[in-house]
Amino acid sequence: MAGPTCPDCGEEGIEKIVCCDSKQNVRGRDPWFQVVHCDGCGHVYGVIAKTVYVRDDTGVVPTNK
């Protein structure tokens, strides 16, 4: 069975798909988002929000805390 293949460089295998934290932080703490990309050529597969804020009765709070 074939593994995932990068559409740009043709690298094969799940180990070639990596995820890196953003340099931007949420109020100086946790990374704001993560970037999923090919370890071989840098092709970006997607961006994942790591911290999301919602408004509740007490104010704006992160959903992952």
PDB file of N, CA and C in Angstrom:
ATOM      1  N   MET A   1       0.850  -1.179   0.000  1.00  0.00           N
ATOM      2  CA  MET A   1       0.000   0.000   0.000  1.00  0.00           C
ATOM      3  C   MET A   1       0.894   1.240   0.000  1.00  0.00           C
ATOM      4  N   ALA A   2       0.593   2.194  -0.841  1.00  0.00           N
ATOM      5  CA  ALA A   2       1.368   3.419  -0.955  1.00  0.00           C
ATOM      6  C   ALA A   2       1.020   4.397   0.160  1.00  0.00           C
ATOM      7  N   GLY A   3       2.022   5.136   0.606  1.00  0.00           N
ATOM      8  CA  GLY A   3       1.804   6.151   1.634  1.00  0.00           C
ATOM      9  C   GLY A   3       1.487   7.483   0.994  1.00  0.00           C
ATOM     10  N   PRO A   4       1.298   8.513   1.816  1.00  0.00           N
ATOM     11  CA  PRO A   4       1.027   9.844   1.278  1.00  0.00           C
ATOM     12  C   PRO A   4       2.200  10.334   0.422  1.00  0.00           C
ATOM     13  N   THR A   5       1.888  11.070  -0.625  1.00  0.00           N
ATOM     14  CA  THR A   5       2.906  11.604  -1.527  1.00  0.00           C
ATOM     15  C   THR A   5       2.725  13.110  -1.673  1.00  0.00           C
ATOM     16  N   CYS A   6       3.825  13.857  -1.540  1.00  0.00           N
ATOM     17  CA  CYS A   6       3.769  15.308  -1.693  1.00  0.00           C
ATOM     18  C   CYS A   6       3.452  15.662  -3.147  1.00  0.00           C
ATOM     19  N   PRO A   7       2.490  16.550  -3.370  1.00  0.00           N
ATOM     20  CA  PRO A   7       2.136  16.919  -4.741  1.00  0.00           C
ATOM     21  C   PRO A   7       3.202  17.777  -5.426  1.00  0.00           C
ATOM     22  N   ASP A   8       4.099  18.396  -4.661  1.00  0.00           N
ATOM     23  CA  ASP A   8       5.126  19.250  -5.260  1.00  0.00           C
ATOM     24  C   ASP A   8       6.415  18.505  -5.594  1.00  0.00           C
ATOM     25  N   CYS A   9       6.966  17.754  -4.614  1.00  0.00           N
ATOM     26  CA  CYS A   9       8.279  17.144  -4.825  1.00  0.00           C
ATOM     27  C   CYS A   9       8.234  15.626  -4.977  1.00  0.00           C
ATOM     28  N   GLY A  10       7.089  14.998  -4.664  1.00  0.00           N
ATOM     29  CA  GLY A  10       6.961  13.557  -4.818  1.00  0.00           C
ATOM     30  C   GLY A  10       7.487  12.739  -3.648  1.00  0.00           C
ATOM     31  N   GLU A  11       7.954  13.379  -2.563  1.00  0.00           N
ATOM     32  CA  GLU A  11       8.392  12.640  -1.368  1.00  0.00           C
ATOM     33  C   GLU A  11       7.250  11.761  -0.889  1.00  0.00           C
ATOM     34  N   GLU A  12       7.578  10.542  -0.467  1.00  0.00           N
ATOM     35  CA  GLU A  12       6.557   9.607  -0.021  1.00  0.00           C
ATOM     36  C   GLU A  12       6.735   9.252   1.441  1.00  0.00           C
ATOM     37  N   GLY A  13       5.622   9.031   2.136  1.00  0.00           N
ATOM     38  CA  GLY A  13       5.639   8.546   3.500  1.00  0.00           C
ATOM     39  C   GLY A  13       5.100   9.553   4.500  1.00  0.00           C
ATOM     40  N   ILE A  14       4.425   9.023   5.504  1.00  0.00           N
ATOM     41  CA  ILE A  14       3.808   9.860   6.534  1.00  0.00           C
ATOM     42  C   ILE A  14       4.872  10.603   7.341  1.00  0.00           C
ATOM     43  N   GLU A  15       6.067  10.032   7.462  1.00  0.00           N
ATOM     44  CA  GLU A  15       7.131  10.689   8.231  1.00  0.00           C
ATOM     45  C   GLU A  15       7.638  11.964   7.560  1.00  0.00           C
ATOM     46  N   LYS A  16       7.302  12.172   6.292  1.00  0.00           N
ATOM     47  CA  LYS A  16       7.699  13.396   5.579  1.00  0.00           C
ATOM     48  C   LYS A  16       6.723  14.550   5.819  1.00  0.00           C
ATOM     49  N   ILE A  17       5.565  14.242   6.427  1.00  0.00           N
ATOM     50  CA  ILE A  17       4.593  15.282   6.773  1.00  0.00           C
ATOM     51  C   ILE A  17       4.873  15.700   8.209  1.00  0.00           C
ATOM     52  N   VAL A  18       5.285  16.949   8.383  1.00  0.00           N
ATOM     53  CA  VAL A  18       5.650  17.444   9.711  1.00  0.00           C
ATOM     54  C   VAL A  18       4.790  18.637  10.097  1.00  0.00           C
ATOM     55  N   CYS A  19       4.808  18.961  11.377  1.00  0.00           N
ATOM     56  CA  CYS A  19       4.009  20.052  11.913  1.00  0.00           C
ATOM     57  C   CYS A  19       4.907  20.936  12.774  1.00  0.00           C
ATOM     58  N   CYS A  20       4.859  22.246  12.552  1.00  0.00           N
ATOM     59  CA  CYS A  20       5.671  23.191  13.311  1.00  0.00           C
ATOM     60  C   CYS A  20       4.782  24.243  13.954  1.00  0.00           C
ATOM     61  N   ASP A  21       5.124  24.619  15.197  1.00  0.00           N
ATOM     62  CA  ASP A  21       4.406  25.692  15.888  1.00  0.00           C
ATOM     63  C   ASP A  21       4.751  27.043  15.273  1.00  0.00           C
ATOM     64  N   SER A  22       3.800  27.963  15.307  1.00  0.00           N
ATOM     65  CA  SER A  22       4.041  29.317  14.812  1.00  0.00           C
ATOM     66  C   SER A  22       4.963  30.067  15.763  1.00  0.00           C
ATOM     67  N   LYS A  23       5.633  31.067  15.251  1.00  0.00           N
ATOM     68  CA  LYS A  23       6.461  31.932  16.097  1.00  0.00           C
ATOM     69  C   LYS A  23       5.587  32.914  16.865  1.00  0.00           C
ATOM     70  N   GLN A  24       4.388  33.194  16.344  1.00  0.00           N
ATOM     71  CA  GLN A  24       3.449  34.072  17.026  1.00  0.00           C
ATOM     72  C   GLN A  24       2.834  33.312  18.194  1.00  0.00           C
ATOM     73  N   ASN A  25       2.780  33.962  19.337  1.00  0.00           N
ATOM     74  CA  ASN A  25       2.226  33.332  20.533  1.00  0.00           C
ATOM     75  C   ASN A  25       0.957  34.033  20.971  1.00  0.00           C
ATOM     76  N   VAL A  26       0.145  33.294  21.687  1.00  0.00           N
ATOM     77  CA  VAL A  26      -1.076  33.829  22.253  1.00  0.00           C
ATOM     78  C   VAL A  26      -0.717  34.471  23.587  1.00  0.00           C
ATOM     79  N   ARG A  27      -0.789  35.760  23.630  1.00  0.00           N
ATOM     80  CA  ARG A  27      -0.478  36.508  24.854  1.00  0.00           C
ATOM     81  C   ARG A  27       0.822  36.044  25.495  1.00  0.00           C
ATOM     82  N   GLY A  28       1.840  35.771  24.645  1.00  0.00           N
ATOM     83  CA  GLY A  28       3.157  35.408  25.131  1.00  0.00           C
ATOM     84  C   GLY A  28       3.336  33.989  25.623  1.00  0.00           C
ATOM     85  N   ARG A  29       2.362  33.107  25.365  1.00  0.00           N
ATOM     86  CA  ARG A  29       2.450  31.744  25.887  1.00  0.00           C
ATOM     87  C   ARG A  29       2.456  30.712  24.772  1.00  0.00           C
ATOM     88  N   ASP A  30       1.308  30.133  24.528  1.00  0.00           N
ATOM     89  CA  ASP A  30       1.191  29.039  23.568  1.00  0.00           C
ATOM     90  C   ASP A  30       1.248  29.540  22.129  1.00  0.00           C
ATOM     91  N   PRO A  31       1.705  28.674  21.202  1.00  0.00           N
ATOM     92  CA  PRO A  31       1.680  29.048  19.787  1.00  0.00           C
ATOM     93  C   PRO A  31       0.248  29.325  19.323  1.00  0.00           C
ATOM     94  N   TRP A  32       0.099  30.290  18.423  1.00  0.00           N
ATOM     95  CA  TRP A  32      -1.209  30.682  17.916  1.00  0.00           C
ATOM     96  C   TRP A  32      -1.761  29.621  16.964  1.00  0.00           C
ATOM     97  N   PHE A  33      -0.881  29.044  16.116  1.00  0.00           N
ATOM     98  CA  PHE A  33      -1.304  28.044  15.145  1.00  0.00           C
ATOM     99  C   PHE A  33      -0.149  27.103  14.835  1.00  0.00           C
ATOM    100  N   GLN A  34      -0.432  26.047  14.087  1.00  0.00           N
ATOM    101  CA  GLN A  34       0.578  25.119  13.617  1.00  0.00           C
ATOM    102  C   GLN A  34       0.493  25.025  12.100  1.00  0.00           C
ATOM    103  N   VAL A  35       1.638  24.820  11.466  1.00  0.00           N
ATOM    104  CA  VAL A  35       1.705  24.682  10.014  1.00  0.00           C
ATOM    105  C   VAL A  35       2.102  23.240   9.697  1.00  0.00           C
ATOM    106  N   VAL A  36       1.290  22.571   8.882  1.00  0.00           N
ATOM    107  CA  VAL A  36       1.572  21.203   8.452  1.00  0.00           C
ATOM    108  C   VAL A  36       2.178  21.293   7.061  1.00  0.00           C
ATOM    109  N   HIS A  37       3.397  20.728   6.910  1.00  0.00           N
ATOM    110  CA  HIS A  37       4.097  20.880   5.631  1.00  0.00           C
ATOM    111  C   HIS A  37       4.967  19.674   5.311  1.00  0.00           C
ATOM    112  N   CYS A  38       5.452  19.626   4.072  1.00  0.00           N
ATOM    113  CA  CYS A  38       6.354  18.579   3.607  1.00  0.00           C
ATOM    114  C   CYS A  38       7.752  18.884   4.139  1.00  0.00           C
ATOM    115  N   ASP A  39       8.388  17.896   4.749  1.00  0.00           N
ATOM    116  CA  ASP A  39       9.731  18.075   5.284  1.00  0.00           C
ATOM    117  C   ASP A  39      10.769  18.184   4.165  1.00  0.00           C
ATOM    118  N   GLY A  40      10.437  17.690   2.990  1.00  0.00           N
ATOM    119  CA  GLY A  40      11.371  17.722   1.877  1.00  0.00           C
ATOM    120  C   GLY A  40      11.439  19.062   1.167  1.00  0.00           C
ATOM    121  N   CYS A  41      10.281  19.605   0.779  1.00  0.00           N
ATOM    122  CA  CYS A  41      10.273  20.822  -0.039  1.00  0.00           C
ATOM    123  C   CYS A  41       9.576  22.008   0.623  1.00  0.00           C
ATOM    124  N   GLY A  42       8.835  21.762   1.704  1.00  0.00           N
ATOM    125  CA  GLY A  42       8.149  22.858   2.389  1.00  0.00           C
ATOM    126  C   GLY A  42       6.725  23.109   1.924  1.00  0.00           C
ATOM    127  N   HIS A  43       6.225  22.286   1.012  1.00  0.00           N
ATOM    128  CA  HIS A  43       4.843  22.451   0.546  1.00  0.00           C
ATOM    129  C   HIS A  43       3.905  22.454   1.748  1.00  0.00           C
ATOM    130  N   VAL A  44       3.060  23.480   1.861  1.00  0.00           N
ATOM    131  CA  VAL A  44       2.150  23.605   3.002  1.00  0.00           C
ATOM    132  C   VAL A  44       0.846  22.869   2.703  1.00  0.00           C
ATOM    133  N   TYR A  45       0.526  21.904   3.563  1.00  0.00           N
ATOM    134  CA  TYR A  45      -0.726  21.159   3.447  1.00  0.00           C
ATOM    135  C   TYR A  45      -1.870  21.899   4.122  1.00  0.00           C
ATOM    136  N   GLY A  46      -1.554  22.625   5.199  1.00  0.00           N
ATOM    137  CA  GLY A  46      -2.602  23.345   5.895  1.00  0.00           C
ATOM    138  C   GLY A  46      -2.094  24.031   7.146  1.00  0.00           C
ATOM    139  N   VAL A  47      -2.958  24.866   7.704  1.00  0.00           N
ATOM    140  CA  VAL A  47      -2.675  25.584   8.942  1.00  0.00           C
ATOM    141  C   VAL A  47      -3.766  25.216   9.937  1.00  0.00           C
ATOM    142  N   ILE A  48      -3.354  24.876  11.146  1.00  0.00           N
ATOM    143  CA  ILE A  48      -4.287  24.440  12.179  1.00  0.00           C
ATOM    144  C   ILE A  48      -4.273  25.446  13.321  1.00  0.00           C
ATOM    145  N   ALA A  49      -5.448  25.958  13.673  1.00  0.00           N
ATOM    146  CA  ALA A  49      -5.544  26.860  14.821  1.00  0.00           C
ATOM    147  C   ALA A  49      -5.259  26.062  16.079  1.00  0.00           C
ATOM    148  N   LYS A  50      -4.310  26.530  16.868  1.00  0.00           N
ATOM    149  CA  LYS A  50      -3.972  25.828  18.097  1.00  0.00           C
ATOM    150  C   LYS A  50      -4.743  26.399  19.285  1.00  0.00           C
ATOM    151  N   THR A  51      -4.959  27.705  19.288  1.00  0.00           N
ATOM    152  CA  THR A  51      -5.712  28.348  20.352  1.00  0.00           C
ATOM    153  C   THR A  51      -6.831  29.156  19.727  1.00  0.00           C
ATOM    154  N   VAL A  52      -8.057  28.914  20.168  1.00  0.00           N
ATOM    155  CA  VAL A  52      -9.225  29.614  19.653  1.00  0.00           C
ATOM    156  C   VAL A  52      -9.925  30.276  20.828  1.00  0.00           C
ATOM    157  N   TYR A  53     -10.283  31.539  20.672  1.00  0.00           N
ATOM    158  CA  TYR A  53     -10.964  32.267  21.729  1.00  0.00           C
ATOM    159  C   TYR A  53     -12.460  32.360  21.441  1.00  0.00           C
ATOM    160  N   VAL A  54     -13.253  32.225  22.489  1.00  0.00           N
ATOM    161  CA  VAL A  54     -14.704  32.379  22.388  1.00  0.00           C
ATOM    162  C   VAL A  54     -15.170  33.311  23.488  1.00  0.00           C
ATOM    163  N   ARG A  55     -16.303  33.912  23.289  1.00  0.00           N
ATOM    164  CA  ARG A  55     -16.861  34.794  24.310  1.00  0.00           C
ATOM    165  C   ARG A  55     -17.881  34.000  25.126  1.00  0.00           C
ATOM    166  N   ASP A  56     -17.741  34.106  26.443  1.00  0.00           N
ATOM    167  CA  ASP A  56     -18.750  33.503  27.326  1.00  0.00           C
ATOM    168  C   ASP A  56     -19.211  34.557  28.324  1.00  0.00           C
ATOM    169  N   ASP A  57     -19.915  34.145  29.364  1.00  0.00           N
ATOM    170  CA  ASP A  57     -20.457  35.110  30.341  1.00  0.00           C
ATOM    171  C   ASP A  57     -19.365  35.848  31.112  1.00  0.00           C
ATOM    172  N   THR A  58     -18.174  35.261  31.214  1.00  0.00           N
ATOM    173  CA  THR A  58     -17.102  35.891  31.976  1.00  0.00           C
ATOM    174  C   THR A  58     -16.160  36.704  31.110  1.00  0.00           C
ATOM    175  N   GLY A  59     -16.311  36.669  29.790  1.00  0.00           N
ATOM    176  CA  GLY A  59     -15.425  37.402  28.887  1.00  0.00           C
ATOM    177  C   GLY A  59     -14.922  36.503  27.785  1.00  0.00           C
ATOM    178  N   VAL A  60     -13.766  36.838  27.211  1.00  0.00           N
ATOM    179  CA  VAL A  60     -13.180  36.068  26.128  1.00  0.00           C
ATOM    180  C   VAL A  60     -12.161  35.107  26.737  1.00  0.00           C
ATOM    181  N   VAL A  61     -12.346  33.824  26.469  1.00  0.00           N
ATOM    182  CA  VAL A  61     -11.474  32.797  27.038  1.00  0.00           C
ATOM    183  C   VAL A  61     -11.024  31.833  25.963  1.00  0.00           C
ATOM    184  N   PRO A  62      -9.809  31.251  26.102  1.00  0.00           N
ATOM    185  CA  PRO A  62      -9.380  30.241  25.125  1.00  0.00           C
ATOM    186  C   PRO A  62     -10.165  28.959  25.328  1.00  0.00           C
ATOM    187  N   THR A  63     -10.487  28.270  24.226  1.00  0.00           N
ATOM    188  CA  THR A  63     -11.265  27.044  24.318  1.00  0.00           C
ATOM    189  C   THR A  63     -10.410  25.863  24.747  1.00  0.00           C
ATOM    190  N   ASN A  64      -9.084  25.960  24.621  1.00  0.00           N
ATOM    191  CA  ASN A  64      -8.228  24.824  24.962  1.00  0.00           C
ATOM    192  C   ASN A  64      -7.697  24.904  26.377  1.00  0.00           C
ATOM    193  N   LYS A  65      -8.187  25.801  27.206  1.00  0.00           N
ATOM    194  CA  LYS A  65      -7.713  25.926  28.595  1.00  0.00           C
ATOM    195  C   LYS A  65      -8.764  25.439  29.540  1.00  0.00           C
TER     196      LYS A  65
END
